[in-house]
Amino acid sequence: MLAQEHHEDELIILNAYIIPMLIEIMENKDQVTLLHSSRVQKVINLLIPELIKAKIISQEEVPYLWVSAILHDIGKIFVDDEILLSDKRLNTEEFKNIRYHSERGFRLINQLDLPREILLAIKHHHERWDGKQKGKFPGYPDGLKGEAIPLYARIICIADAFDAMISERPYKDSLSITNAMRIIKENSGKQFDPGLVRIFIKTMKKNKKI
């Protein structure tokens, strides 16, 4: 009973105080990032029934996965505006700068005593299933591999990449949902957890109007 009460108290504090405060900070810094995070959360919301059905997550975990999704890019509030809001492709040094956002977000949220699952999702949502750290799409910050990557981070990684592909940016055109799904499937076992990719593809085939 005490554990359940503690869980409920955590959720009340998260929903009533912490999340609104952090969302306001993100909105004041960069509405594009906030909108992206909201869309990532919506994609994950579509995945949740299948994740529960497959016993990958429990119903009790859903609020923490939601919070992880909306806050996954919170570290971008520390990125210089000229990089964050650039309408051109970033150079190597600028990419290095923006890649620090996952660690910066982790350090920020670590001060708020949130559940560790949320902290690790923020820090590791750009790791790769194959552990690759070099090339066009390297994993970072720690080069974790396979199931060493926290579960929420693996889920967010897929939804994050999907939204990035279907979203238009000044420096790139958007892809169709079908093409984005194809690329994610092609990178199953490479960038993405293959088990989660199967659930993602199954879910998206049912929900192409998102």
Foldseek 3Di string as FASTA:
>chain_A
DVVVVVLVVLLCCVVPPVVVVLLVLCCVQDVVLQVLLVQLLVLVVLLVVVCCVVVVDHPSCNVLLSLLSNLLQSLCSPQDCCLVVPLADDDPVSVVRSLCSLVSSLVVVVVVPHDVLSSLLSNFLLAFQCLAADDDRGGDDPSDHHPVRRPSSLSSNLSSQLSVQQDDGSHDGHDQSVVSLVVLCVCDNTRHPNVSNVSSSVSCVVPSPD
